[in-house]
Amino acid sequence: MTAGNEKRYLTVALGKGRLANKAMELFEQIGMGQPEMKDKNTRKLIFVNEEAKIRFFLAKGPDVPTYVEYGAADIGIVGADTILEEHRNIYEVLDLGFGKCRMCVCGPESARELLTYQKQIRVATKYPNIAKDYFYNQKHQTVEIIKLNGSIELAPIVGLSEVICDIVETGSTLRENGLMVLEEVCPLSARVVVNQVSMKMQNERITELIRRLQAVKAD
C-alpha cells in the first residue's frame, strides 16, 4: 500500500476518570474498544486499536479542548462545563447523555434575596468564565468573581463569598453544609468535540463515528 492510500489514525482525547471509562464502554459497543485501557497499572500514554485505525489518550478534562483545538486530537470527549469554560475553537457535535449534572448558583437561603434584587455580591467558583457569562450577560448583575480550586462550598461558610457557582450532582454536599441551589445556570453532560480541520479532512470517517456513537449513547 502506498503512503498516499494509507488510512491515518483518528486520535481521541478522553477526559480522565468516570467520563473516560463510560466513553470507552461506548467505543467497545461499536467495535472500537481498547482492552489495555482497563488495566489500572498500565503506564502507557497512548492506546491503539490497529484494526479500527483509532488511538486514544487520557488527559485532564480542562486540557481536552486544547488538544482538540490544536489538532493533537481529532476528537475529544469531555464535560460541557469544560467546553463552556475553556472557550476553544472546536465543534461540539454530540451530547452523549451521560455524566448528567447541573451548573448552579448555590448559597445559604439568606443569599436568595441578594440574587433576586441583583445586589453586588462575591461569587466563588472554579469556573470564572461560566460565572461571568451568567451574571454579566444573562442576569446583568454586577458581581466580583473569586477563582478557587478546592472545596468551593467552604467560601460562603467562612465569609469569602455570598454564593458559589459550581457543579451539582445530588446536592448532598450542599445540604450537609447548610447550602442550597438558588439558581440553575445550565444543564451539563458529556459531549463529543471535533477539531475544525479534521472535520473537513476526515469528514466521512468522523461523521460515521459520530453516527455510531449516537446509536449507542444514553438517552
N, C-alpha and C. Protein backbone atom coordinates (compact mmCIF):
# COMPACT_ATOMS: atom_id res chain seq x y z
N MET A 1 0.86 -1.20 0.00
CA MET A 1 0.00 0.00 0.00
C MET A 1 0.89 1.24 0.00
N THR A 2 0.61 2.18 -0.83
CA THR A 2 1.41 3.39 -0.88
C THR A 2 1.01 4.31 0.26
N ALA A 3 1.96 5.17 0.58
CA ALA A 3 1.71 6.08 1.72
C ALA A 3 0.48 6.95 1.47
N GLY A 4 0.26 7.29 0.23
CA GLY A 4 -0.87 8.16 -0.09
C GLY A 4 -2.21 7.52 0.18
N ASN A 5 -2.26 6.17 0.08
CA ASN A 5 -3.54 5.48 0.29
C ASN A 5 -3.72 5.03 1.74
N GLU A 6 -2.66 5.16 2.51
CA GLU A 6 -2.70 4.64 3.88
C GLU A 6 -3.70 5.45 4.71
N LYS A 7 -4.51 4.72 5.45
CA LYS A 7 -5.51 5.36 6.30
C LYS A 7 -4.83 5.82 7.57
N ARG A 8 -4.91 7.09 7.88
CA ARG A 8 -4.24 7.56 9.10
C ARG A 8 -5.11 7.29 10.32
N TYR A 9 -4.46 7.33 11.47
CA TYR A 9 -5.19 7.11 12.71
C TYR A 9 -6.05 8.32 13.06
N LEU A 10 -7.24 8.04 13.56
CA LEU A 10 -8.03 9.10 14.20
C LEU A 10 -7.61 9.09 15.67
N THR A 11 -7.34 10.25 16.24
CA THR A 11 -6.90 10.34 17.63
C THR A 11 -8.01 10.93 18.49
N VAL A 12 -8.28 10.23 19.60
CA VAL A 12 -9.37 10.64 20.50
C VAL A 12 -8.79 10.95 21.88
N ALA A 13 -9.04 12.15 22.38
CA ALA A 13 -8.63 12.55 23.73
C ALA A 13 -9.82 12.38 24.67
N LEU A 14 -9.58 11.68 25.78
CA LEU A 14 -10.66 11.42 26.75
C LEU A 14 -10.33 12.09 28.08
N GLY A 15 -11.32 12.75 28.66
CA GLY A 15 -11.16 13.32 30.00
C GLY A 15 -11.03 12.19 31.01
N LYS A 16 -9.99 12.23 31.83
CA LYS A 16 -9.71 11.14 32.79
C LYS A 16 -10.86 10.91 33.76
N GLY A 17 -10.94 9.67 34.25
CA GLY A 17 -11.92 9.35 35.29
C GLY A 17 -13.15 8.64 34.78
N ARG A 18 -14.26 8.86 35.47
CA ARG A 18 -15.51 8.16 35.14
C ARG A 18 -15.94 8.42 33.71
N LEU A 19 -15.72 9.64 33.27
CA LEU A 19 -16.14 10.02 31.92
C LEU A 19 -15.42 9.17 30.87
N ALA A 20 -14.10 8.98 31.06
CA ALA A 20 -13.32 8.17 30.11
C ALA A 20 -13.79 6.71 30.14
N ASN A 21 -14.05 6.19 31.33
CA ASN A 21 -14.49 4.80 31.46
C ASN A 21 -15.81 4.58 30.73
N LYS A 22 -16.72 5.52 30.92
CA LYS A 22 -18.03 5.42 30.28
C LYS A 22 -17.90 5.56 28.76
N ALA A 23 -17.05 6.47 28.33
CA ALA A 23 -16.83 6.67 26.89
C ALA A 23 -16.26 5.41 26.25
N MET A 24 -15.33 4.76 26.95
CA MET A 24 -14.71 3.55 26.38
C MET A 24 -15.72 2.40 26.29
N GLU A 25 -16.71 2.39 27.18
CA GLU A 25 -17.79 1.39 27.06
C GLU A 25 -18.53 1.58 25.74
N LEU A 26 -18.77 2.85 25.37
CA LEU A 26 -19.45 3.13 24.10
C LEU A 26 -18.59 2.70 22.92
N PHE A 27 -17.29 2.98 22.99
CA PHE A 27 -16.40 2.57 21.90
C PHE A 27 -16.34 1.05 21.78
N GLU A 28 -16.41 0.36 22.92
CA GLU A 28 -16.46 -1.12 22.88
C GLU A 28 -17.72 -1.58 22.17
N GLN A 29 -18.84 -0.93 22.47
CA GLN A 29 -20.11 -1.33 21.86
C GLN A 29 -20.11 -1.16 20.34
N ILE A 30 -19.32 -0.21 19.84
CA ILE A 30 -19.29 -0.01 18.38
C ILE A 30 -18.06 -0.68 17.75
N GLY A 31 -17.41 -1.58 18.52
CA GLY A 31 -16.30 -2.36 17.97
C GLY A 31 -14.99 -1.60 17.86
N MET A 32 -14.82 -0.55 18.65
CA MET A 32 -13.58 0.24 18.58
C MET A 32 -12.93 0.36 19.96
N GLY A 33 -13.11 -0.64 20.79
CA GLY A 33 -12.56 -0.60 22.14
C GLY A 33 -11.06 -0.80 22.16
N GLN A 34 -10.46 -0.66 23.35
CA GLN A 34 -9.03 -0.88 23.53
C GLN A 34 -8.85 -1.48 24.92
N PRO A 35 -8.75 -2.83 25.01
CA PRO A 35 -8.75 -3.52 26.30
C PRO A 35 -7.67 -3.06 27.27
N GLU A 36 -6.50 -2.67 26.77
CA GLU A 36 -5.40 -2.25 27.65
C GLU A 36 -5.77 -1.05 28.52
N MET A 37 -6.74 -0.27 28.07
CA MET A 37 -7.12 0.91 28.85
C MET A 37 -7.78 0.55 30.17
N LYS A 38 -8.23 -0.70 30.29
CA LYS A 38 -8.86 -1.15 31.54
C LYS A 38 -7.83 -1.51 32.61
N ASP A 39 -6.57 -1.67 32.20
CA ASP A 39 -5.50 -2.04 33.13
C ASP A 39 -5.11 -0.82 33.95
N LYS A 40 -5.49 -0.82 35.23
CA LYS A 40 -5.22 0.33 36.09
C LYS A 40 -3.73 0.53 36.36
N ASN A 41 -2.93 -0.51 36.13
CA ASN A 41 -1.49 -0.42 36.41
C ASN A 41 -0.65 -0.02 35.20
N THR A 42 -1.29 0.11 34.06
CA THR A 42 -0.51 0.43 32.86
C THR A 42 0.08 1.83 32.93
N ARG A 43 1.27 1.96 32.36
CA ARG A 43 1.92 3.27 32.31
C ARG A 43 1.89 3.84 30.89
N LYS A 44 1.21 3.14 30.02
CA LYS A 44 1.12 3.62 28.64
C LYS A 44 0.33 4.92 28.57
N LEU A 45 0.70 5.75 27.63
CA LEU A 45 0.01 7.03 27.46
C LEU A 45 -0.92 7.02 26.26
N ILE A 46 -0.57 6.20 25.25
CA ILE A 46 -1.38 6.14 24.02
C ILE A 46 -1.84 4.69 23.83
N PHE A 47 -3.11 4.51 23.51
CA PHE A 47 -3.69 3.18 23.33
C PHE A 47 -4.25 3.09 21.91
N VAL A 48 -3.78 2.08 21.18
CA VAL A 48 -4.11 1.99 19.75
C VAL A 48 -4.99 0.78 19.45
N ASN A 49 -6.03 1.00 18.65
CA ASN A 49 -6.80 -0.09 18.06
C ASN A 49 -6.42 -0.11 16.58
N GLU A 50 -5.50 -1.05 16.24
CA GLU A 50 -4.93 -1.10 14.88
C GLU A 50 -6.01 -1.36 13.84
N GLU A 51 -6.92 -2.25 14.19
CA GLU A 51 -7.95 -2.65 13.22
C GLU A 51 -8.84 -1.47 12.83
N ALA A 52 -9.23 -0.68 13.81
CA ALA A 52 -10.11 0.46 13.55
C ALA A 52 -9.34 1.72 13.16
N LYS A 53 -7.99 1.62 13.23
CA LYS A 53 -7.13 2.78 12.95
C LYS A 53 -7.56 3.99 13.81
N ILE A 54 -7.65 3.71 15.11
CA ILE A 54 -8.03 4.77 16.06
C ILE A 54 -7.13 4.65 17.28
N ARG A 55 -6.75 5.76 17.83
CA ARG A 55 -5.92 5.72 19.04
C ARG A 55 -6.50 6.68 20.07
N PHE A 56 -6.29 6.31 21.33
CA PHE A 56 -6.87 7.06 22.45
C PHE A 56 -5.77 7.53 23.39
N PHE A 57 -5.98 8.68 24.01
CA PHE A 57 -5.13 9.04 25.15
C PHE A 57 -5.97 9.75 26.19
N LEU A 58 -5.52 9.65 27.44
CA LEU A 58 -6.23 10.26 28.56
C LEU A 58 -5.59 11.59 28.90
N ALA A 59 -6.41 12.57 29.22
CA ALA A 59 -5.90 13.89 29.58
C ALA A 59 -6.78 14.45 30.69
N LYS A 60 -6.26 15.42 31.42
CA LYS A 60 -7.11 16.13 32.39
C LYS A 60 -8.21 16.83 31.62
N GLY A 61 -9.42 16.81 32.18
CA GLY A 61 -10.58 17.37 31.49
C GLY A 61 -10.35 18.73 30.85
N PRO A 62 -9.83 19.72 31.61
CA PRO A 62 -9.65 21.06 31.03
C PRO A 62 -8.68 21.11 29.85
N ASP A 63 -7.82 20.08 29.73
CA ASP A 63 -6.85 20.07 28.62
C ASP A 63 -7.42 19.48 27.33
N VAL A 64 -8.51 18.74 27.43
CA VAL A 64 -9.05 18.06 26.24
C VAL A 64 -9.40 19.04 25.13
N PRO A 65 -10.15 20.12 25.40
CA PRO A 65 -10.45 21.06 24.31
C PRO A 65 -9.20 21.68 23.68
N THR A 66 -8.13 21.84 24.48
CA THR A 66 -6.87 22.39 23.95
C THR A 66 -6.24 21.42 22.97
N TYR A 67 -6.17 20.15 23.33
CA TYR A 67 -5.62 19.13 22.42
C TYR A 67 -6.42 19.11 21.12
N VAL A 68 -7.74 19.24 21.24
CA VAL A 68 -8.59 19.18 20.04
C VAL A 68 -8.42 20.44 19.19
N GLU A 69 -8.42 21.61 19.83
CA GLU A 69 -8.28 22.85 19.05
C GLU A 69 -6.99 22.87 18.24
N TYR A 70 -5.89 22.40 18.84
CA TYR A 70 -4.60 22.46 18.17
C TYR A 70 -4.32 21.26 17.27
N GLY A 71 -5.28 20.32 17.19
CA GLY A 71 -5.14 19.21 16.26
C GLY A 71 -4.31 18.05 16.77
N ALA A 72 -3.91 18.08 18.05
CA ALA A 72 -3.21 16.93 18.62
C ALA A 72 -4.18 15.77 18.79
N ALA A 73 -5.46 16.09 18.89
CA ALA A 73 -6.53 15.09 18.87
C ALA A 73 -7.56 15.54 17.84
N ASP A 74 -8.09 14.58 17.09
CA ASP A 74 -9.15 14.90 16.13
C ASP A 74 -10.48 15.08 16.85
N ILE A 75 -10.65 14.25 17.89
CA ILE A 75 -11.92 14.17 18.61
C ILE A 75 -11.63 14.22 20.11
N GLY A 76 -12.52 14.82 20.88
CA GLY A 76 -12.39 14.82 22.33
C GLY A 76 -13.73 14.47 22.96
N ILE A 77 -13.66 13.85 24.14
CA ILE A 77 -14.88 13.60 24.92
C ILE A 77 -14.66 14.21 26.30
N VAL A 78 -15.54 15.16 26.63
CA VAL A 78 -15.32 15.96 27.83
C VAL A 78 -16.66 16.54 28.30
N GLY A 79 -16.70 16.98 29.55
CA GLY A 79 -17.93 17.55 30.10
C GLY A 79 -18.24 18.91 29.49
N ALA A 80 -19.53 19.23 29.38
CA ALA A 80 -19.95 20.51 28.81
C ALA A 80 -19.42 21.69 29.62
N ASP A 81 -19.23 21.50 30.94
CA ASP A 81 -18.68 22.57 31.77
C ASP A 81 -17.30 23.00 31.29
N THR A 82 -16.49 22.01 30.90
CA THR A 82 -15.13 22.30 30.41
C THR A 82 -15.17 23.03 29.08
N ILE A 83 -16.08 22.62 28.21
CA ILE A 83 -16.21 23.27 26.89
C ILE A 83 -16.60 24.74 27.09
N LEU A 84 -17.57 24.98 27.96
CA LEU A 84 -18.04 26.35 28.22
C LEU A 84 -16.96 27.20 28.87
N GLU A 85 -16.19 26.60 29.75
CA GLU A 85 -15.17 27.35 30.49
C GLU A 85 -13.95 27.67 29.62
N GLU A 86 -13.58 26.72 28.76
CA GLU A 86 -12.33 26.87 28.01
C GLU A 86 -12.44 27.75 26.77
N HIS A 87 -13.64 27.89 26.20
CA HIS A 87 -13.84 28.78 25.03
C HIS A 87 -12.88 28.48 23.88
N ARG A 88 -12.76 27.23 23.49
CA ARG A 88 -11.85 26.86 22.40
C ARG A 88 -12.57 26.84 21.06
N ASN A 89 -11.80 27.01 19.97
CA ASN A 89 -12.39 26.97 18.62
C ASN A 89 -12.51 25.52 18.15
N ILE A 90 -13.58 24.88 18.57
CA ILE A 90 -13.83 23.48 18.24
C ILE A 90 -15.32 23.31 17.95
N TYR A 91 -15.65 22.22 17.28
CA TYR A 91 -17.06 21.91 17.03
C TYR A 91 -17.58 20.98 18.11
N GLU A 92 -18.71 21.33 18.71
CA GLU A 92 -19.39 20.40 19.62
C GLU A 92 -20.44 19.67 18.78
N VAL A 93 -20.33 18.34 18.68
CA VAL A 93 -21.14 17.62 17.70
C VAL A 93 -22.15 16.64 18.29
N LEU A 94 -21.97 16.23 19.55
CA LEU A 94 -22.88 15.21 20.10
C LEU A 94 -22.93 15.26 21.61
N ASP A 95 -24.14 15.20 22.14
CA ASP A 95 -24.36 15.05 23.59
C ASP A 95 -24.48 13.56 23.85
N LEU A 96 -23.55 13.01 24.62
CA LEU A 96 -23.55 11.56 24.87
C LEU A 96 -24.56 11.13 25.93
N GLY A 97 -25.12 12.07 26.65
CA GLY A 97 -26.22 11.75 27.56
C GLY A 97 -25.84 11.12 28.89
N PHE A 98 -24.52 10.99 29.16
CA PHE A 98 -24.13 10.51 30.50
C PHE A 98 -23.34 11.60 31.21
N GLY A 99 -23.07 11.37 32.50
CA GLY A 99 -22.39 12.40 33.29
C GLY A 99 -23.27 13.61 33.52
N LYS A 100 -24.58 13.36 33.60
CA LYS A 100 -25.52 14.49 33.73
C LYS A 100 -25.43 15.15 35.10
N CYS A 101 -25.39 16.46 35.09
CA CYS A 101 -25.41 17.25 36.32
C CYS A 101 -25.81 18.68 35.93
N ARG A 102 -25.70 19.61 36.86
CA ARG A 102 -26.12 20.99 36.58
C ARG A 102 -25.08 21.96 37.09
N MET A 103 -24.92 23.05 36.38
CA MET A 103 -24.12 24.16 36.91
C MET A 103 -25.12 25.08 37.61
N CYS A 104 -24.85 25.37 38.88
CA CYS A 104 -25.82 26.14 39.67
C CYS A 104 -25.15 27.23 40.49
N VAL A 105 -25.95 28.22 40.84
CA VAL A 105 -25.54 29.20 41.85
C VAL A 105 -26.12 28.71 43.17
N CYS A 106 -25.26 28.55 44.16
CA CYS A 106 -25.68 27.98 45.44
C CYS A 106 -25.23 28.88 46.58
N GLY A 107 -25.92 28.74 47.69
CA GLY A 107 -25.56 29.51 48.87
C GLY A 107 -26.57 29.24 49.97
N PRO A 108 -26.48 29.97 51.07
CA PRO A 108 -27.48 29.83 52.13
C PRO A 108 -28.79 30.48 51.67
N GLU A 109 -29.88 30.12 52.28
CA GLU A 109 -31.20 30.69 51.94
C GLU A 109 -31.17 32.22 52.03
N SER A 110 -30.38 32.74 52.96
CA SER A 110 -30.32 34.20 53.16
C SER A 110 -29.75 34.94 51.94
N ALA A 111 -29.05 34.22 51.06
CA ALA A 111 -28.46 34.87 49.87
C ALA A 111 -29.45 35.00 48.72
N ARG A 112 -30.62 34.37 48.85
CA ARG A 112 -31.58 34.37 47.75
C ARG A 112 -32.00 35.80 47.36
N GLU A 113 -32.25 36.64 48.36
CA GLU A 113 -32.71 38.00 48.04
C GLU A 113 -31.60 38.83 47.38
N LEU A 114 -30.32 38.49 47.66
CA LEU A 114 -29.21 39.20 47.01
C LEU A 114 -29.22 38.94 45.51
N LEU A 115 -29.66 37.75 45.13
CA LEU A 115 -29.77 37.39 43.71
C LEU A 115 -31.02 38.02 43.11
N THR A 116 -32.11 37.95 43.85
CA THR A 116 -33.39 38.49 43.37
C THR A 116 -33.29 39.99 43.10
N TYR A 117 -32.65 40.71 44.02
CA TYR A 117 -32.58 42.17 43.88
C TYR A 117 -31.26 42.62 43.24
N GLN A 118 -30.52 41.64 42.71
CA GLN A 118 -29.29 41.92 41.96
C GLN A 118 -28.31 42.82 42.70
N LYS A 119 -28.08 42.48 43.94
CA LYS A 119 -27.10 43.22 44.75
C LYS A 119 -25.69 42.87 44.25
N GLN A 120 -24.74 43.75 44.53
CA GLN A 120 -23.36 43.44 44.18
C GLN A 120 -22.83 42.44 45.21
N ILE A 121 -22.44 41.29 44.72
CA ILE A 121 -22.00 40.21 45.60
C ILE A 121 -20.71 39.59 45.09
N ARG A 122 -20.12 38.75 45.93
CA ARG A 122 -18.93 37.98 45.54
C ARG A 122 -19.37 36.54 45.24
N VAL A 123 -18.81 36.01 44.16
CA VAL A 123 -19.14 34.65 43.73
C VAL A 123 -17.86 33.84 43.65
N ALA A 124 -17.77 32.77 44.45
CA ALA A 124 -16.59 31.89 44.40
C ALA A 124 -16.87 30.75 43.43
N THR A 125 -15.87 30.40 42.62
CA THR A 125 -16.10 29.38 41.60
C THR A 125 -14.80 28.82 41.03
N LYS A 126 -14.88 27.60 40.53
CA LYS A 126 -13.78 27.03 39.73
C LYS A 126 -13.96 27.40 38.27
N TYR A 127 -15.10 28.01 37.95
CA TYR A 127 -15.48 28.27 36.55
C TYR A 127 -15.74 29.77 36.33
N PRO A 128 -14.70 30.60 36.38
CA PRO A 128 -14.91 32.05 36.28
C PRO A 128 -15.56 32.50 34.97
N ASN A 129 -15.24 31.84 33.86
CA ASN A 129 -15.84 32.25 32.57
C ASN A 129 -17.34 31.97 32.52
N ILE A 130 -17.72 30.79 33.03
CA ILE A 130 -19.15 30.45 33.07
C ILE A 130 -19.89 31.39 34.01
N ALA A 131 -19.30 31.66 35.17
CA ALA A 131 -19.93 32.56 36.14
C ALA A 131 -20.07 33.97 35.57
N LYS A 132 -19.02 34.47 34.91
CA LYS A 132 -19.07 35.82 34.32
C LYS A 132 -20.17 35.89 33.27
N ASP A 133 -20.20 34.89 32.41
CA ASP A 133 -21.21 34.91 31.34
C ASP A 133 -22.63 34.92 31.93
N TYR A 134 -22.83 34.10 32.96
CA TYR A 134 -24.17 34.02 33.56
C TYR A 134 -24.56 35.33 34.22
N PHE A 135 -23.70 35.84 35.09
CA PHE A 135 -24.06 37.05 35.84
C PHE A 135 -24.05 38.31 34.97
N TYR A 136 -23.04 38.45 34.13
CA TYR A 136 -22.92 39.69 33.34
C TYR A 136 -23.86 39.70 32.14
N ASN A 137 -23.91 38.59 31.39
CA ASN A 137 -24.65 38.58 30.12
C ASN A 137 -26.10 38.10 30.23
N GLN A 138 -26.39 37.25 31.22
CA GLN A 138 -27.75 36.74 31.34
C GLN A 138 -28.54 37.46 32.43
N LYS A 139 -27.92 37.63 33.60
CA LYS A 139 -28.63 38.28 34.71
C LYS A 139 -28.39 39.79 34.76
N HIS A 140 -27.32 40.24 34.10
CA HIS A 140 -26.93 41.67 34.14
C HIS A 140 -26.78 42.14 35.59
N GLN A 141 -26.09 41.29 36.35
CA GLN A 141 -25.83 41.60 37.76
C GLN A 141 -24.34 41.80 37.95
N THR A 142 -23.97 42.88 38.63
CA THR A 142 -22.55 43.14 38.88
C THR A 142 -22.08 42.28 40.05
N VAL A 143 -21.03 41.47 39.79
CA VAL A 143 -20.50 40.59 40.84
C VAL A 143 -18.98 40.63 40.80
N GLU A 144 -18.38 40.24 41.90
CA GLU A 144 -16.93 40.03 41.93
C GLU A 144 -16.70 38.52 41.90
N ILE A 145 -15.98 38.06 40.88
CA ILE A 145 -15.71 36.62 40.74
C ILE A 145 -14.42 36.28 41.47
N ILE A 146 -14.47 35.30 42.34
CA ILE A 146 -13.28 34.84 43.06
C ILE A 146 -12.97 33.41 42.60
N LYS A 147 -11.82 33.22 41.96
CA LYS A 147 -11.45 31.90 41.44
C LYS A 147 -10.85 31.06 42.56
N LEU A 148 -11.42 29.86 42.75
CA LEU A 148 -10.90 28.90 43.72
C LEU A 148 -10.64 27.57 43.03
N ASN A 149 -9.81 26.76 43.63
CA ASN A 149 -9.52 25.43 43.06
C ASN A 149 -9.99 24.29 43.95
N GLY A 150 -10.19 24.56 45.21
CA GLY A 150 -10.54 23.49 46.15
C GLY A 150 -12.02 23.40 46.45
N SER A 151 -12.34 23.11 47.71
CA SER A 151 -13.74 22.93 48.12
C SER A 151 -14.48 24.26 48.07
N ILE A 152 -15.27 24.43 47.03
CA ILE A 152 -15.96 25.70 46.79
C ILE A 152 -16.99 25.97 47.89
N GLU A 153 -17.59 24.90 48.44
CA GLU A 153 -18.65 25.07 49.46
C GLU A 153 -18.16 25.83 50.68
N LEU A 154 -16.86 25.81 50.90
CA LEU A 154 -16.29 26.47 52.07
C LEU A 154 -16.44 28.00 52.00
N ALA A 155 -16.43 28.55 50.78
CA ALA A 155 -16.37 30.01 50.60
C ALA A 155 -17.48 30.77 51.33
N PRO A 156 -18.78 30.42 51.13
CA PRO A 156 -19.82 31.18 51.85
C PRO A 156 -19.84 30.90 53.35
N ILE A 157 -19.36 29.71 53.73
CA ILE A 157 -19.38 29.35 55.15
C ILE A 157 -18.39 30.21 55.94
N VAL A 158 -17.22 30.50 55.34
CA VAL A 158 -16.21 31.29 56.06
C VAL A 158 -16.26 32.77 55.69
N GLY A 159 -17.25 33.15 54.85
CA GLY A 159 -17.44 34.56 54.53
C GLY A 159 -16.60 35.10 53.38
N LEU A 160 -15.99 34.22 52.59
CA LEU A 160 -15.22 34.67 51.43
C LEU A 160 -16.16 35.19 50.33
N SER A 161 -17.31 34.55 50.21
CA SER A 161 -18.28 34.97 49.18
C SER A 161 -19.70 34.78 49.70
N GLU A 162 -20.64 35.44 49.02
CA GLU A 162 -22.04 35.26 49.40
C GLU A 162 -22.61 33.98 48.79
N VAL A 163 -22.18 33.68 47.54
CA VAL A 163 -22.67 32.49 46.84
C VAL A 163 -21.51 31.82 46.10
N ILE A 164 -21.80 30.63 45.57
CA ILE A 164 -20.82 29.92 44.74
C ILE A 164 -21.49 29.56 43.41
N CYS A 165 -20.68 29.34 42.40
CA CYS A 165 -21.17 28.83 41.11
C CYS A 165 -20.42 27.53 40.87
N ASP A 166 -21.14 26.41 40.92
CA ASP A 166 -20.45 25.12 40.90
C ASP A 166 -21.35 24.03 40.31
N ILE A 167 -20.73 22.89 40.04
CA ILE A 167 -21.46 21.74 39.52
C ILE A 167 -22.20 21.06 40.67
N VAL A 168 -23.46 20.72 40.42
CA VAL A 168 -24.26 20.00 41.42
C VAL A 168 -24.75 18.69 40.80
N GLU A 169 -24.46 17.58 41.49
CA GLU A 169 -24.98 16.28 41.05
C GLU A 169 -26.18 15.90 41.92
N THR A 170 -25.92 15.54 43.15
CA THR A 170 -27.03 15.14 44.04
C THR A 170 -27.43 16.26 45.00
N GLY A 171 -26.51 17.17 45.28
CA GLY A 171 -26.81 18.26 46.23
C GLY A 171 -26.55 17.88 47.67
N SER A 172 -26.08 16.65 47.91
CA SER A 172 -25.89 16.20 49.31
C SER A 172 -24.79 16.99 50.02
N THR A 173 -23.70 17.32 49.32
CA THR A 173 -22.62 18.10 49.95
C THR A 173 -23.13 19.48 50.33
N LEU A 174 -23.96 20.06 49.47
CA LEU A 174 -24.55 21.38 49.79
C LEU A 174 -25.37 21.30 51.07
N ARG A 175 -26.26 20.30 51.09
CA ARG A 175 -27.17 20.17 52.24
C ARG A 175 -26.39 19.96 53.54
N GLU A 176 -25.34 19.15 53.47
CA GLU A 176 -24.53 18.88 54.67
C GLU A 176 -23.88 20.15 55.21
N ASN A 177 -23.71 21.12 54.33
CA ASN A 177 -23.04 22.37 54.74
C ASN A 177 -24.00 23.56 54.82
N GLY A 178 -25.30 23.27 54.89
CA GLY A 178 -26.28 24.33 55.07
C GLY A 178 -26.48 25.22 53.85
N LEU A 179 -26.14 24.69 52.66
CA LEU A 179 -26.30 25.45 51.41
C LEU A 179 -27.36 24.80 50.54
N MET A 180 -27.82 25.54 49.54
CA MET A 180 -28.84 25.00 48.63
C MET A 180 -28.68 25.62 47.25
N VAL A 181 -29.31 24.97 46.27
CA VAL A 181 -29.33 25.53 44.92
C VAL A 181 -30.27 26.72 44.91
N LEU A 182 -29.79 27.86 44.47
CA LEU A 182 -30.61 29.08 44.40
C LEU A 182 -31.03 29.39 42.97
N GLU A 183 -30.16 29.11 42.01
CA GLU A 183 -30.47 29.33 40.59
C GLU A 183 -29.73 28.29 39.76
N GLU A 184 -30.37 27.84 38.68
CA GLU A 184 -29.68 26.91 37.77
C GLU A 184 -29.11 27.70 36.60
N VAL A 185 -27.84 27.48 36.32
CA VAL A 185 -27.17 28.17 35.22
C VAL A 185 -27.38 27.41 33.91
N CYS A 186 -27.08 26.11 33.91
CA CYS A 186 -27.28 25.30 32.70
C CYS A 186 -27.13 23.82 33.02
N PRO A 187 -27.78 22.94 32.23
CA PRO A 187 -27.58 21.50 32.39
C PRO A 187 -26.24 21.09 31.76
N LEU A 188 -25.63 20.04 32.29
CA LEU A 188 -24.33 19.57 31.81
C LEU A 188 -24.37 18.07 31.54
N SER A 189 -23.50 17.62 30.63
CA SER A 189 -23.32 16.18 30.37
C SER A 189 -22.07 16.03 29.51
N ALA A 190 -21.71 14.79 29.22
CA ALA A 190 -20.52 14.52 28.39
C ALA A 190 -20.82 14.84 26.93
N ARG A 191 -19.87 15.48 26.26
CA ARG A 191 -20.06 15.88 24.86
C ARG A 191 -18.88 15.41 24.01
N VAL A 192 -19.15 15.24 22.72
CA VAL A 192 -18.10 14.94 21.75
C VAL A 192 -17.75 16.25 21.04
N VAL A 193 -16.45 16.56 20.99
CA VAL A 193 -15.99 17.75 20.27
C VAL A 193 -15.01 17.31 19.18
N VAL A 194 -14.92 18.11 18.11
CA VAL A 194 -14.09 17.74 16.96
C VAL A 194 -13.25 18.94 16.52
N ASN A 195 -12.01 18.65 16.12
CA ASN A 195 -11.13 19.67 15.55
C ASN A 195 -11.70 20.16 14.22
N GLN A 196 -11.64 21.46 14.00
CA GLN A 196 -12.29 22.04 12.83
C GLN A 196 -11.67 21.56 11.51
N VAL A 197 -10.34 21.43 11.46
CA VAL A 197 -9.67 20.96 10.23
C VAL A 197 -9.97 19.48 10.02
N SER A 198 -9.92 18.69 11.10
CA SER A 198 -10.20 17.26 11.00
C SER A 198 -11.60 17.01 10.44
N MET A 199 -12.55 17.87 10.85
CA MET A 199 -13.93 17.71 10.39
C MET A 199 -14.02 17.86 8.87
N LYS A 200 -13.15 18.70 8.32
CA LYS A 200 -13.13 18.87 6.86
C LYS A 200 -12.35 17.73 6.19
N MET A 201 -11.15 17.44 6.70
CA MET A 201 -10.26 16.48 6.05
C MET A 201 -10.68 15.02 6.24
N GLN A 202 -11.30 14.73 7.38
CA GLN A 202 -11.69 13.35 7.71
C GLN A 202 -13.21 13.26 7.90
N ASN A 203 -13.92 14.05 7.14
CA ASN A 203 -15.36 14.21 7.38
C ASN A 203 -16.12 12.90 7.36
N GLU A 204 -15.84 12.06 6.37
CA GLU A 204 -16.59 10.81 6.23
C GLU A 204 -16.40 9.90 7.44
N ARG A 205 -15.14 9.73 7.84
CA ARG A 205 -14.84 8.84 8.98
C ARG A 205 -15.41 9.39 10.28
N ILE A 206 -15.24 10.69 10.49
CA ILE A 206 -15.71 11.28 11.75
C ILE A 206 -17.24 11.27 11.80
N THR A 207 -17.87 11.57 10.68
CA THR A 207 -19.34 11.55 10.64
C THR A 207 -19.88 10.15 10.92
N GLU A 208 -19.21 9.14 10.37
CA GLU A 208 -19.62 7.76 10.61
C GLU A 208 -19.43 7.37 12.08
N LEU A 209 -18.31 7.80 12.66
CA LEU A 209 -18.06 7.53 14.08
C LEU A 209 -19.12 8.19 14.95
N ILE A 210 -19.46 9.43 14.65
CA ILE A 210 -20.50 10.15 15.42
C ILE A 210 -21.84 9.42 15.29
N ARG A 211 -22.13 8.97 14.07
CA ARG A 211 -23.40 8.26 13.82
C ARG A 211 -23.47 6.99 14.67
N ARG A 212 -22.36 6.26 14.75
CA ARG A 212 -22.35 5.01 15.52
C ARG A 212 -22.43 5.27 17.03
N LEU A 213 -21.75 6.32 17.49
CA LEU A 213 -21.86 6.67 18.91
C LEU A 213 -23.27 7.12 19.25
N GLN A 214 -23.89 7.87 18.33
CA GLN A 214 -25.27 8.33 18.52
C GLN A 214 -26.22 7.15 18.72
N ALA A 215 -25.95 6.07 17.99
CA ALA A 215 -26.83 4.89 18.03
C ALA A 215 -26.76 4.15 19.37
N VAL A 216 -25.62 4.28 20.09
CA VAL A 216 -25.48 3.51 21.34
C VAL A 216 -25.46 4.40 22.59
N LYS A 217 -25.51 5.70 22.41
CA LYS A 217 -25.39 6.61 23.56
C LYS A 217 -26.61 6.51 24.48
N ALA A 218 -26.42 7.01 25.69
CA ALA A 218 -27.52 7.05 26.66
C ALA A 218 -28.57 8.05 26.21
N ASP A 219 -29.83 7.80 26.58
CA ASP A 219 -30.91 8.75 26.22
C ASP A 219 -30.89 9.94 27.15
